[in-house]
Structure formats: C-alpha cells, structure tokens
Amino acid sequence: MDDGLYLLKEEIETFNPEVKLLKNPRWLTSEENRQNKRHVSIAIVVENTKQAKAILQKKFLYIAGSQLEVLKFKANTASTQCQKCQRIGHITKFCPSEDYCQICAAKHNTRQHTCNICNIKGVECAHTKLKCRNCGEKHRANSSQCLIWGKQATKAFNSGELDVQMKDKPDFEVVISNNEVWE
C-alpha cells in the first residue's frame, strides 16, 4: 500500500509538473471504507501556499489519465462517536461497553428504542423524552447542543486524534476527489 501511494506521488508530479509533493498522498478514509467504492478521496501536501493556491485556482490535476477535481482540505472538527455506547473518542468496532440508546440513554441499542404510546421502534417520536448519554441533558447523544460533544471534539482536534487530520501538516493541504460520472 505504501508503494502504491509512492507511485501515485510520482505520477502526480510527472503529469502535473507544477506540483511538488512533500510526502506521499494519504487516503481520507480507512481501507475498509474504500472497499467496493467507485469514488475515493486522497489528500496531498504541496510545498507551499503559492503552489496550493495555483492548484486550487486550476481546479484539477491529472491522475491516472483522468482530470480530477481538486478541493481545499478542511479538517473535520467533529470527533468520533461510538454508535454502541454513545461515548465520544472511539469507534463502535472496538467498544467493550454495553449498548446505550442515542435517543433516551437507556441500556438498549438505538434500533430497539420503542415508544410505549405509538409503538414505533428505532426512531424518536413526539412522545420521546430525550436524554443524552454523555451529559444527561434533554437532547440526543449526537446533538450539536451537547456541551460534552463540543469539548471532546475540540480536544480531539487540538491533540491530532482526528481520523483525517494529517501529521506534521503545513499551511495548506489539498484534497483530490474523483468526481467522474461512471456510465
């Protein structure tokens, strides 16, 4: 995989002579999330702001014989939230905790949340008494109103724990997204 990203770096620099990358491109999603996808995104880091601005103004790079759209990299400031326990900072796959509902904070999976009045399952309804598993307030565990979520997201962003944040990043990063239409 590292060899493939090195070759991609070489190709980008060869077919876009105005571009000099500081390091190999980086996938913005995990290998698992890239499986069976027609479109994926990578991030590249260029030498300086002048190069980045020129690429963004041009709006494309040539890669693998295709003209691909270029977008400015925007770090995701939201942290990861487990869909099992609703806590922030880890993913569901590695969670050792019990299931907790994202809607009412009870000890059951969110899909099992049931309204005793209208008998709908797995969704919030007019009768639902919302409760956040993280702060105990009257909102869902994934609500932007949650003060815990905001603090944890800021902490994760500042500490470099975000999935798409790149290490040793310079002033500018560019995302290359393949937006071709597949027939």
N, C-alpha and C. Protein backbone atom coordinates (compact mmCIF):
# COMPACT_ATOMS: atom_id res chain seq x y z
N MET A 1 0.81 -1.19 0.00
CA MET A 1 0.00 0.00 0.00
C MET A 1 0.86 1.26 0.00
N ASP A 2 1.94 1.29 0.81
CA ASP A 2 2.83 2.44 0.80
C ASP A 2 3.50 2.60 -0.56
N ASP A 3 3.84 1.47 -1.20
CA ASP A 3 4.43 1.53 -2.53
C ASP A 3 3.47 2.16 -3.53
N GLY A 4 2.19 1.81 -3.42
CA GLY A 4 1.18 2.36 -4.32
C GLY A 4 1.03 3.86 -4.14
N LEU A 5 1.08 4.33 -2.89
CA LEU A 5 0.97 5.76 -2.64
C LEU A 5 2.23 6.50 -3.10
N TYR A 6 3.39 5.84 -3.00
CA TYR A 6 4.62 6.43 -3.53
C TYR A 6 4.51 6.57 -5.05
N LEU A 7 4.00 5.52 -5.71
CA LEU A 7 3.82 5.58 -7.17
C LEU A 7 2.81 6.65 -7.56
N LEU A 8 1.77 6.81 -6.78
CA LEU A 8 0.78 7.85 -7.03
C LEU A 8 1.43 9.23 -6.91
N LYS A 9 2.28 9.41 -5.92
CA LYS A 9 3.02 10.67 -5.76
C LYS A 9 3.85 10.95 -7.01
N GLU A 10 4.56 9.93 -7.46
CA GLU A 10 5.39 10.07 -8.66
C GLU A 10 4.54 10.45 -9.88
N GLU A 11 3.39 9.81 -10.03
CA GLU A 11 2.51 10.10 -11.16
C GLU A 11 1.96 11.52 -11.11
N ILE A 12 1.55 11.95 -9.93
CA ILE A 12 1.03 13.32 -9.78
C ILE A 12 2.10 14.32 -10.18
N GLU A 13 3.32 14.13 -9.72
CA GLU A 13 4.40 15.06 -10.03
C GLU A 13 4.81 14.99 -11.51
N THR A 14 4.73 13.81 -12.11
CA THR A 14 5.10 13.65 -13.52
C THR A 14 4.10 14.33 -14.44
N PHE A 15 2.81 14.11 -14.22
CA PHE A 15 1.79 14.62 -15.13
C PHE A 15 1.26 16.00 -14.73
N ASN A 16 1.76 16.53 -13.64
CA ASN A 16 1.43 17.88 -13.20
C ASN A 16 2.75 18.53 -12.78
N PRO A 17 3.58 18.94 -13.76
CA PRO A 17 4.95 19.39 -13.47
C PRO A 17 5.05 20.57 -12.50
N GLU A 18 3.98 21.34 -12.35
CA GLU A 18 4.00 22.48 -11.43
C GLU A 18 3.81 22.06 -9.98
N VAL A 19 3.56 20.76 -9.75
CA VAL A 19 3.27 20.25 -8.41
C VAL A 19 4.45 19.48 -7.86
N LYS A 20 4.83 19.83 -6.63
CA LYS A 20 5.86 19.08 -5.90
C LYS A 20 5.27 18.72 -4.55
N LEU A 21 5.12 17.42 -4.28
CA LEU A 21 4.52 16.95 -3.03
C LEU A 21 5.59 16.78 -1.96
N LEU A 22 5.24 17.14 -0.73
CA LEU A 22 6.16 16.99 0.39
C LEU A 22 6.25 15.56 0.89
N LYS A 23 5.16 14.80 0.69
CA LYS A 23 5.13 13.41 1.12
C LYS A 23 4.11 12.66 0.28
N ASN A 24 4.04 11.37 0.48
CA ASN A 24 3.08 10.55 -0.26
C ASN A 24 1.65 11.00 0.02
N PRO A 25 0.76 10.85 -0.96
CA PRO A 25 -0.66 11.14 -0.70
C PRO A 25 -1.18 10.26 0.43
N ARG A 26 -2.30 10.67 1.02
CA ARG A 26 -2.90 9.92 2.13
C ARG A 26 -4.37 9.72 1.85
N TRP A 27 -4.85 8.50 2.07
CA TRP A 27 -6.28 8.23 1.94
C TRP A 27 -7.02 8.97 3.04
N LEU A 28 -8.21 9.48 2.75
CA LEU A 28 -9.01 10.16 3.76
C LEU A 28 -9.98 9.22 4.47
N THR A 29 -10.06 8.00 4.02
CA THR A 29 -10.92 7.01 4.67
C THR A 29 -10.13 5.74 4.89
N SER A 30 -10.61 4.89 5.75
CA SER A 30 -9.94 3.62 6.04
C SER A 30 -10.05 2.68 4.85
N GLU A 31 -9.20 1.68 4.83
CA GLU A 31 -9.23 0.68 3.76
C GLU A 31 -10.59 0.00 3.71
N GLU A 32 -11.15 -0.29 4.87
CA GLU A 32 -12.47 -0.93 4.96
C GLU A 32 -13.55 -0.08 4.28
N ASN A 33 -13.50 1.24 4.50
CA ASN A 33 -14.49 2.14 3.90
C ASN A 33 -14.29 2.34 2.40
N ARG A 34 -13.09 2.04 1.91
CA ARG A 34 -12.82 2.20 0.46
C ARG A 34 -13.25 0.99 -0.36
N GLN A 35 -13.51 -0.13 0.28
CA GLN A 35 -13.88 -1.34 -0.42
C GLN A 35 -15.19 -1.13 -1.19
N ASN A 36 -15.22 -1.61 -2.41
CA ASN A 36 -16.42 -1.57 -3.26
C ASN A 36 -16.94 -0.15 -3.53
N LYS A 37 -16.07 0.84 -3.49
CA LYS A 37 -16.46 2.21 -3.80
C LYS A 37 -15.89 2.59 -5.16
N ARG A 38 -16.65 3.34 -5.91
CA ARG A 38 -16.16 3.83 -7.20
C ARG A 38 -15.37 5.11 -7.04
N HIS A 39 -15.65 5.86 -5.99
CA HIS A 39 -15.01 7.14 -5.76
C HIS A 39 -14.40 7.17 -4.37
N VAL A 40 -13.16 7.61 -4.30
CA VAL A 40 -12.50 7.77 -3.02
C VAL A 40 -11.72 9.08 -3.06
N SER A 41 -11.32 9.57 -1.91
CA SER A 41 -10.58 10.82 -1.84
C SER A 41 -9.22 10.59 -1.20
N ILE A 42 -8.27 11.38 -1.66
CA ILE A 42 -6.93 11.38 -1.08
C ILE A 42 -6.58 12.82 -0.73
N ALA A 43 -5.61 12.98 0.14
CA ALA A 43 -5.08 14.31 0.46
C ALA A 43 -3.63 14.34 0.03
N ILE A 44 -3.24 15.46 -0.54
CA ILE A 44 -1.84 15.67 -0.87
C ILE A 44 -1.36 16.91 -0.14
N VAL A 45 -0.06 16.95 0.15
CA VAL A 45 0.54 18.10 0.79
C VAL A 45 1.58 18.66 -0.16
N VAL A 46 1.39 19.92 -0.57
CA VAL A 46 2.31 20.56 -1.51
C VAL A 46 3.34 21.39 -0.76
N GLU A 47 4.35 21.84 -1.50
CA GLU A 47 5.49 22.52 -0.87
C GLU A 47 5.14 23.85 -0.19
N ASN A 48 4.24 24.61 -0.79
CA ASN A 48 3.98 25.94 -0.24
C ASN A 48 2.58 26.43 -0.60
N THR A 49 2.22 27.55 -0.01
CA THR A 49 0.90 28.14 -0.22
C THR A 49 0.71 28.57 -1.67
N LYS A 50 1.75 29.08 -2.29
CA LYS A 50 1.67 29.52 -3.69
C LYS A 50 1.25 28.36 -4.60
N GLN A 51 1.88 27.20 -4.41
CA GLN A 51 1.52 26.01 -5.20
C GLN A 51 0.08 25.59 -4.94
N ALA A 52 -0.30 25.57 -3.67
CA ALA A 52 -1.66 25.16 -3.32
C ALA A 52 -2.68 26.09 -3.95
N LYS A 53 -2.46 27.39 -3.87
CA LYS A 53 -3.39 28.36 -4.48
C LYS A 53 -3.48 28.16 -5.99
N ALA A 54 -2.34 27.89 -6.63
CA ALA A 54 -2.34 27.68 -8.08
C ALA A 54 -3.14 26.43 -8.45
N ILE A 55 -2.99 25.36 -7.69
CA ILE A 55 -3.73 24.12 -7.96
C ILE A 55 -5.23 24.36 -7.73
N LEU A 56 -5.57 25.03 -6.65
CA LEU A 56 -6.97 25.29 -6.35
C LEU A 56 -7.61 26.20 -7.40
N GLN A 57 -6.84 27.14 -7.93
CA GLN A 57 -7.36 28.03 -8.97
C GLN A 57 -7.57 27.25 -10.27
N LYS A 58 -6.66 26.35 -10.58
CA LYS A 58 -6.79 25.50 -11.77
C LYS A 58 -7.96 24.53 -11.64
N LYS A 59 -8.25 24.09 -10.41
CA LYS A 59 -9.39 23.24 -10.04
C LYS A 59 -9.28 21.77 -10.44
N PHE A 60 -8.15 21.32 -10.95
CA PHE A 60 -7.99 19.91 -11.29
C PHE A 60 -6.51 19.54 -11.36
N LEU A 61 -6.24 18.24 -11.28
CA LEU A 61 -4.93 17.64 -11.54
C LEU A 61 -5.15 16.43 -12.44
N TYR A 62 -4.11 16.06 -13.16
CA TYR A 62 -4.17 14.84 -13.97
C TYR A 62 -3.63 13.68 -13.16
N ILE A 63 -4.45 12.65 -13.00
CA ILE A 63 -4.05 11.45 -12.28
C ILE A 63 -4.64 10.25 -13.01
N ALA A 64 -3.81 9.26 -13.27
CA ALA A 64 -4.24 8.01 -13.92
C ALA A 64 -4.99 8.29 -15.22
N GLY A 65 -4.51 9.26 -15.98
CA GLY A 65 -5.11 9.57 -17.28
C GLY A 65 -6.43 10.32 -17.18
N SER A 66 -6.82 10.73 -16.00
CA SER A 66 -8.07 11.46 -15.81
C SER A 66 -7.81 12.84 -15.23
N GLN A 67 -8.70 13.74 -15.56
CA GLN A 67 -8.65 15.08 -14.98
C GLN A 67 -9.55 15.05 -13.74
N LEU A 68 -8.95 15.17 -12.55
CA LEU A 68 -9.68 15.03 -11.29
C LEU A 68 -9.81 16.35 -10.56
N GLU A 69 -10.97 16.57 -9.96
CA GLU A 69 -11.27 17.80 -9.23
C GLU A 69 -10.40 17.93 -7.99
N VAL A 70 -10.03 19.16 -7.68
CA VAL A 70 -9.22 19.48 -6.52
C VAL A 70 -10.02 20.39 -5.59
N LEU A 71 -10.01 20.07 -4.31
CA LEU A 71 -10.71 20.87 -3.31
C LEU A 71 -9.76 21.17 -2.17
N LYS A 72 -9.96 22.30 -1.51
CA LYS A 72 -9.16 22.64 -0.34
C LYS A 72 -9.52 21.70 0.80
N PHE A 73 -8.51 21.19 1.48
CA PHE A 73 -8.71 20.28 2.60
C PHE A 73 -9.30 21.04 3.77
N LYS A 74 -10.36 20.50 4.35
CA LYS A 74 -10.97 21.08 5.54
C LYS A 74 -11.01 19.98 6.59
N ALA A 75 -10.27 20.16 7.66
CA ALA A 75 -10.25 19.16 8.72
C ALA A 75 -11.62 19.07 9.37
N ASN A 76 -12.06 17.86 9.62
CA ASN A 76 -13.33 17.64 10.28
C ASN A 76 -13.13 17.91 11.76
N THR A 77 -13.87 18.87 12.30
CA THR A 77 -13.67 19.22 13.70
C THR A 77 -14.53 18.37 14.64
N ALA A 78 -15.33 17.50 14.09
CA ALA A 78 -16.13 16.62 14.94
C ALA A 78 -15.33 15.38 15.28
N SER A 79 -15.48 14.92 16.48
CA SER A 79 -14.78 13.73 16.91
C SER A 79 -15.60 12.48 16.57
N THR A 80 -15.03 11.34 16.80
CA THR A 80 -15.71 10.08 16.54
C THR A 80 -16.63 9.74 17.71
N GLN A 81 -17.84 9.28 17.39
CA GLN A 81 -18.77 8.87 18.43
C GLN A 81 -19.12 7.40 18.22
N CYS A 82 -19.02 6.62 19.27
CA CYS A 82 -19.38 5.21 19.23
C CYS A 82 -20.90 5.08 19.12
N GLN A 83 -21.36 4.27 18.18
CA GLN A 83 -22.79 4.06 18.00
C GLN A 83 -23.33 2.98 18.93
N LYS A 84 -22.45 2.38 19.72
CA LYS A 84 -22.87 1.36 20.68
C LYS A 84 -23.11 1.98 22.06
N CYS A 85 -22.09 2.62 22.64
CA CYS A 85 -22.22 3.19 23.98
C CYS A 85 -22.50 4.69 23.96
N GLN A 86 -22.40 5.31 22.79
CA GLN A 86 -22.65 6.74 22.57
C GLN A 86 -21.56 7.65 23.11
N ARG A 87 -20.49 7.09 23.66
CA ARG A 87 -19.39 7.91 24.15
C ARG A 87 -18.57 8.43 22.97
N ILE A 88 -17.78 9.46 23.23
CA ILE A 88 -17.00 10.12 22.20
C ILE A 88 -15.54 9.71 22.33
N GLY A 89 -14.89 9.49 21.19
CA GLY A 89 -13.45 9.23 21.19
C GLY A 89 -13.05 7.84 20.74
N HIS A 90 -13.99 6.97 20.43
CA HIS A 90 -13.65 5.65 19.91
C HIS A 90 -14.75 5.19 18.95
N ILE A 91 -14.45 4.15 18.20
CA ILE A 91 -15.42 3.65 17.24
C ILE A 91 -16.12 2.39 17.76
N THR A 92 -17.26 2.12 17.22
CA THR A 92 -18.10 1.01 17.64
C THR A 92 -17.38 -0.33 17.60
N LYS A 93 -16.60 -0.54 16.57
CA LYS A 93 -15.92 -1.83 16.36
C LYS A 93 -15.08 -2.26 17.56
N PHE A 94 -14.50 -1.30 18.28
CA PHE A 94 -13.61 -1.63 19.39
C PHE A 94 -14.23 -1.32 20.76
N CYS A 95 -15.53 -1.16 20.83
CA CYS A 95 -16.18 -0.78 22.09
C CYS A 95 -16.47 -2.00 22.96
N PRO A 96 -15.95 -2.01 24.20
CA PRO A 96 -16.20 -3.13 25.11
C PRO A 96 -17.46 -2.92 25.97
N SER A 97 -18.08 -1.74 25.86
CA SER A 97 -19.22 -1.39 26.72
C SER A 97 -20.54 -1.99 26.25
N GLU A 98 -21.55 -1.83 27.11
CA GLU A 98 -22.92 -2.25 26.77
C GLU A 98 -23.53 -1.25 25.79
N ASP A 99 -24.62 -1.66 25.12
CA ASP A 99 -25.36 -0.76 24.24
C ASP A 99 -26.12 0.27 25.07
N TYR A 100 -26.13 1.51 24.57
CA TYR A 100 -26.94 2.59 25.14
C TYR A 100 -27.65 3.29 24.01
N CYS A 101 -28.85 3.72 24.25
CA CYS A 101 -29.68 4.36 23.24
C CYS A 101 -29.24 5.80 23.01
N GLN A 102 -29.12 6.16 21.75
CA GLN A 102 -28.75 7.52 21.37
C GLN A 102 -29.90 8.50 21.64
N ILE A 103 -31.11 7.97 21.75
CA ILE A 103 -32.31 8.79 21.93
C ILE A 103 -32.62 9.05 23.40
N CYS A 104 -32.66 7.98 24.21
CA CYS A 104 -33.11 8.11 25.61
C CYS A 104 -32.05 7.74 26.65
N ALA A 105 -30.89 7.29 26.22
CA ALA A 105 -29.77 6.91 27.10
C ALA A 105 -30.02 5.65 27.91
N ALA A 106 -31.09 4.90 27.61
CA ALA A 106 -31.36 3.64 28.32
C ALA A 106 -30.41 2.55 27.81
N LYS A 107 -30.31 1.45 28.57
CA LYS A 107 -29.41 0.36 28.20
C LYS A 107 -30.04 -0.54 27.14
N HIS A 108 -30.13 -0.05 25.93
CA HIS A 108 -30.54 -0.84 24.78
C HIS A 108 -29.99 -0.16 23.52
N ASN A 109 -29.88 -0.91 22.46
CA ASN A 109 -29.42 -0.38 21.18
C ASN A 109 -30.45 0.63 20.68
N THR A 110 -29.99 1.66 20.00
CA THR A 110 -30.88 2.71 19.48
C THR A 110 -31.96 2.11 18.58
N ARG A 111 -31.63 1.08 17.81
CA ARG A 111 -32.62 0.43 16.93
C ARG A 111 -33.75 -0.22 17.73
N GLN A 112 -33.50 -0.51 19.00
CA GLN A 112 -34.51 -1.14 19.86
C GLN A 112 -35.32 -0.14 20.66
N HIS A 113 -35.04 1.14 20.49
CA HIS A 113 -35.80 2.17 21.21
C HIS A 113 -37.26 2.10 20.76
N THR A 114 -38.17 1.95 21.69
CA THR A 114 -39.60 1.80 21.38
C THR A 114 -40.43 2.79 22.17
N CYS A 115 -41.37 3.43 21.50
CA CYS A 115 -42.32 4.32 22.17
C CYS A 115 -43.47 3.46 22.69
N ASN A 116 -43.77 3.56 23.96
CA ASN A 116 -44.87 2.79 24.57
C ASN A 116 -46.24 3.32 24.20
N ILE A 117 -46.31 4.50 23.63
CA ILE A 117 -47.60 5.09 23.26
C ILE A 117 -47.95 4.77 21.81
N CYS A 118 -47.05 5.09 20.89
CA CYS A 118 -47.37 4.85 19.47
C CYS A 118 -46.69 3.60 18.91
N ASN A 119 -45.90 2.91 19.73
CA ASN A 119 -45.27 1.64 19.37
C ASN A 119 -44.35 1.69 18.15
N ILE A 120 -43.78 2.85 17.85
CA ILE A 120 -42.78 2.87 16.78
C ILE A 120 -41.43 2.50 17.37
N LYS A 121 -40.58 1.94 16.53
CA LYS A 121 -39.32 1.39 17.02
C LYS A 121 -38.13 2.03 16.30
N GLY A 122 -37.09 2.34 17.06
CA GLY A 122 -35.82 2.77 16.49
C GLY A 122 -35.75 4.23 16.09
N VAL A 123 -36.80 5.00 16.32
CA VAL A 123 -36.79 6.42 15.97
C VAL A 123 -37.41 7.25 17.08
N GLU A 124 -37.09 8.51 17.05
CA GLU A 124 -37.65 9.46 18.00
C GLU A 124 -39.04 9.87 17.54
N CYS A 125 -39.98 10.02 18.46
CA CYS A 125 -41.33 10.46 18.12
C CYS A 125 -41.73 11.63 19.03
N ALA A 126 -42.95 12.11 18.87
CA ALA A 126 -43.43 13.25 19.66
C ALA A 126 -43.49 12.94 21.16
N HIS A 127 -43.59 11.66 21.52
CA HIS A 127 -43.69 11.27 22.92
C HIS A 127 -42.33 11.04 23.59
N THR A 128 -41.30 11.05 22.81
CA THR A 128 -39.97 10.71 23.31
C THR A 128 -39.44 11.75 24.29
N LYS A 129 -38.94 11.27 25.40
CA LYS A 129 -38.22 12.12 26.35
C LYS A 129 -36.74 11.94 26.07
N LEU A 130 -36.16 12.90 25.39
CA LEU A 130 -34.75 12.82 25.01
C LEU A 130 -33.85 12.91 26.22
N LYS A 131 -32.75 12.15 26.18
CA LYS A 131 -31.75 12.22 27.22
C LYS A 131 -30.40 11.86 26.62
N CYS A 132 -29.43 12.70 26.83
CA CYS A 132 -28.08 12.49 26.30
C CYS A 132 -27.28 11.58 27.22
N ARG A 133 -26.70 10.57 26.67
CA ARG A 133 -25.87 9.62 27.43
C ARG A 133 -24.61 10.29 27.96
N ASN A 134 -24.14 11.34 27.29
CA ASN A 134 -22.89 11.99 27.66
C ASN A 134 -23.03 13.06 28.74
N CYS A 135 -24.08 13.88 28.65
CA CYS A 135 -24.21 14.99 29.62
C CYS A 135 -25.49 14.94 30.44
N GLY A 136 -26.45 14.05 30.07
CA GLY A 136 -27.69 13.92 30.82
C GLY A 136 -28.76 14.95 30.48
N GLU A 137 -28.45 15.86 29.57
CA GLU A 137 -29.41 16.90 29.20
C GLU A 137 -30.48 16.36 28.25
N LYS A 138 -31.48 17.19 27.93
CA LYS A 138 -32.64 16.78 27.12
C LYS A 138 -32.39 16.95 25.63
N HIS A 139 -31.49 16.15 25.10
CA HIS A 139 -31.23 16.08 23.66
C HIS A 139 -30.60 14.73 23.35
N ARG A 140 -30.54 14.38 22.08
CA ARG A 140 -29.93 13.10 21.66
C ARG A 140 -28.43 13.11 21.96
N ALA A 141 -27.85 11.95 22.04
CA ALA A 141 -26.42 11.84 22.34
C ALA A 141 -25.55 12.39 21.21
N ASN A 142 -26.09 12.48 19.99
CA ASN A 142 -25.31 13.01 18.87
C ASN A 142 -25.67 14.45 18.53
N SER A 143 -26.34 15.14 19.43
CA SER A 143 -26.79 16.51 19.19
C SER A 143 -25.65 17.51 19.27
N SER A 144 -25.70 18.52 18.41
CA SER A 144 -24.70 19.60 18.45
C SER A 144 -24.91 20.48 19.69
N GLN A 145 -26.04 20.33 20.37
CA GLN A 145 -26.30 21.08 21.61
C GLN A 145 -25.48 20.56 22.79
N CYS A 146 -24.95 19.36 22.66
CA CYS A 146 -24.23 18.73 23.78
C CYS A 146 -22.90 19.43 24.05
N LEU A 147 -22.74 19.91 25.28
CA LEU A 147 -21.50 20.57 25.66
C LEU A 147 -20.33 19.60 25.72
N ILE A 148 -20.59 18.37 26.11
CA ILE A 148 -19.54 17.34 26.15
C ILE A 148 -19.01 17.08 24.75
N TRP A 149 -19.92 16.94 23.79
CA TRP A 149 -19.53 16.69 22.39
C TRP A 149 -18.62 17.81 21.90
N GLY A 150 -18.99 19.05 22.15
CA GLY A 150 -18.18 20.18 21.70
C GLY A 150 -16.81 20.20 22.33
N LYS A 151 -16.73 19.93 23.64
CA LYS A 151 -15.45 19.90 24.33
C LYS A 151 -14.57 18.76 23.82
N GLN A 152 -15.16 17.58 23.65
CA GLN A 152 -14.40 16.42 23.18
C GLN A 152 -13.92 16.63 21.75
N ALA A 153 -14.75 17.21 20.90
CA ALA A 153 -14.37 17.45 19.51
C ALA A 153 -13.21 18.42 19.45
N THR A 154 -13.27 19.49 20.25
CA THR A 154 -12.19 20.47 20.28
C THR A 154 -10.90 19.83 20.80
N LYS A 155 -11.02 19.02 21.86
CA LYS A 155 -9.86 18.32 22.42
C LYS A 155 -9.23 17.39 21.39
N ALA A 156 -10.06 16.61 20.69
CA ALA A 156 -9.56 15.67 19.67
C ALA A 156 -8.89 16.42 18.53
N PHE A 157 -9.49 17.53 18.11
CA PHE A 157 -8.92 18.32 17.01
C PHE A 157 -7.56 18.87 17.42
N ASN A 158 -7.47 19.45 18.62
CA ASN A 158 -6.23 20.06 19.08
C ASN A 158 -5.14 19.04 19.35
N SER A 159 -5.50 17.82 19.73
CA SER A 159 -4.50 16.81 20.03
C SER A 159 -4.08 15.99 18.82
N GLY A 160 -4.74 16.20 17.67
CA GLY A 160 -4.38 15.47 16.46
C GLY A 160 -4.97 14.09 16.38
N GLU A 161 -6.05 13.80 17.12
CA GLU A 161 -6.64 12.47 17.15
C GLU A 161 -7.67 12.23 16.06
N LEU A 162 -7.95 13.21 15.22
CA LEU A 162 -8.97 13.04 14.19
C LEU A 162 -8.50 12.10 13.10
N ASP A 163 -9.41 11.34 12.55
CA ASP A 163 -9.10 10.35 11.53
C ASP A 163 -8.47 10.96 10.28
N VAL A 164 -8.97 12.11 9.83
CA VAL A 164 -8.47 12.67 8.58
C VAL A 164 -7.40 13.73 8.79
N GLN A 165 -7.07 14.08 10.02
CA GLN A 165 -6.05 15.09 10.23
C GLN A 165 -4.69 14.50 9.89
N MET A 166 -3.88 15.26 9.19
CA MET A 166 -2.57 14.77 8.78
C MET A 166 -1.50 15.24 9.76
N LYS A 167 -0.53 14.37 10.02
CA LYS A 167 0.57 14.71 10.93
C LYS A 167 1.52 15.69 10.23
N ASP A 168 2.17 16.53 11.01
CA ASP A 168 3.17 17.48 10.50
C ASP A 168 2.65 18.29 9.33
N LYS A 169 1.40 18.72 9.40
CA LYS A 169 0.81 19.38 8.25
C LYS A 169 1.32 20.80 8.10
N PRO A 170 1.59 21.22 6.86
CA PRO A 170 2.00 22.59 6.59
C PRO A 170 0.77 23.50 6.53
N ASP A 171 0.93 24.68 6.02
CA ASP A 171 -0.17 25.65 5.97
C ASP A 171 -1.32 25.21 5.08
N PHE A 172 -1.06 24.44 4.07
CA PHE A 172 -2.08 24.12 3.09
C PHE A 172 -2.09 22.64 2.76
N GLU A 173 -3.27 22.09 2.59
CA GLU A 173 -3.42 20.72 2.12
C GLU A 173 -4.51 20.74 1.06
N VAL A 174 -4.44 19.83 0.15
CA VAL A 174 -5.41 19.80 -0.94
C VAL A 174 -6.02 18.41 -1.00
N VAL A 175 -7.32 18.32 -1.08
CA VAL A 175 -8.00 17.05 -1.26
C VAL A 175 -8.23 16.87 -2.74
N ILE A 176 -7.94 15.69 -3.24
CA ILE A 176 -8.24 15.38 -4.62
C ILE A 176 -9.38 14.39 -4.61
N SER A 177 -10.45 14.74 -5.24
CA SER A 177 -11.64 13.90 -5.23
C SER A 177 -11.98 13.49 -6.66
N ASN A 178 -12.15 12.19 -6.87
CA ASN A 178 -12.51 11.71 -8.20
C ASN A 178 -14.01 11.80 -8.36
N ASN A 179 -14.48 12.80 -9.11
CA ASN A 179 -15.91 13.03 -9.28
C ASN A 179 -16.37 12.69 -10.68
N GLU A 180 -15.70 11.80 -11.34
CA GLU A 180 -16.11 11.40 -12.68
C GLU A 180 -17.47 10.70 -12.61
N VAL A 181 -18.24 10.84 -13.67
CA VAL A 181 -19.52 10.14 -13.76
C VAL A 181 -19.26 8.80 -14.41
N TRP A 182 -19.67 7.73 -13.74
CA TRP A 182 -19.49 6.38 -14.27
C TRP A 182 -20.73 5.94 -15.00
N GLU A 183 -20.58 5.51 -16.22
CA GLU A 183 -21.71 5.07 -17.05
C GLU A 183 -22.08 3.63 -16.69
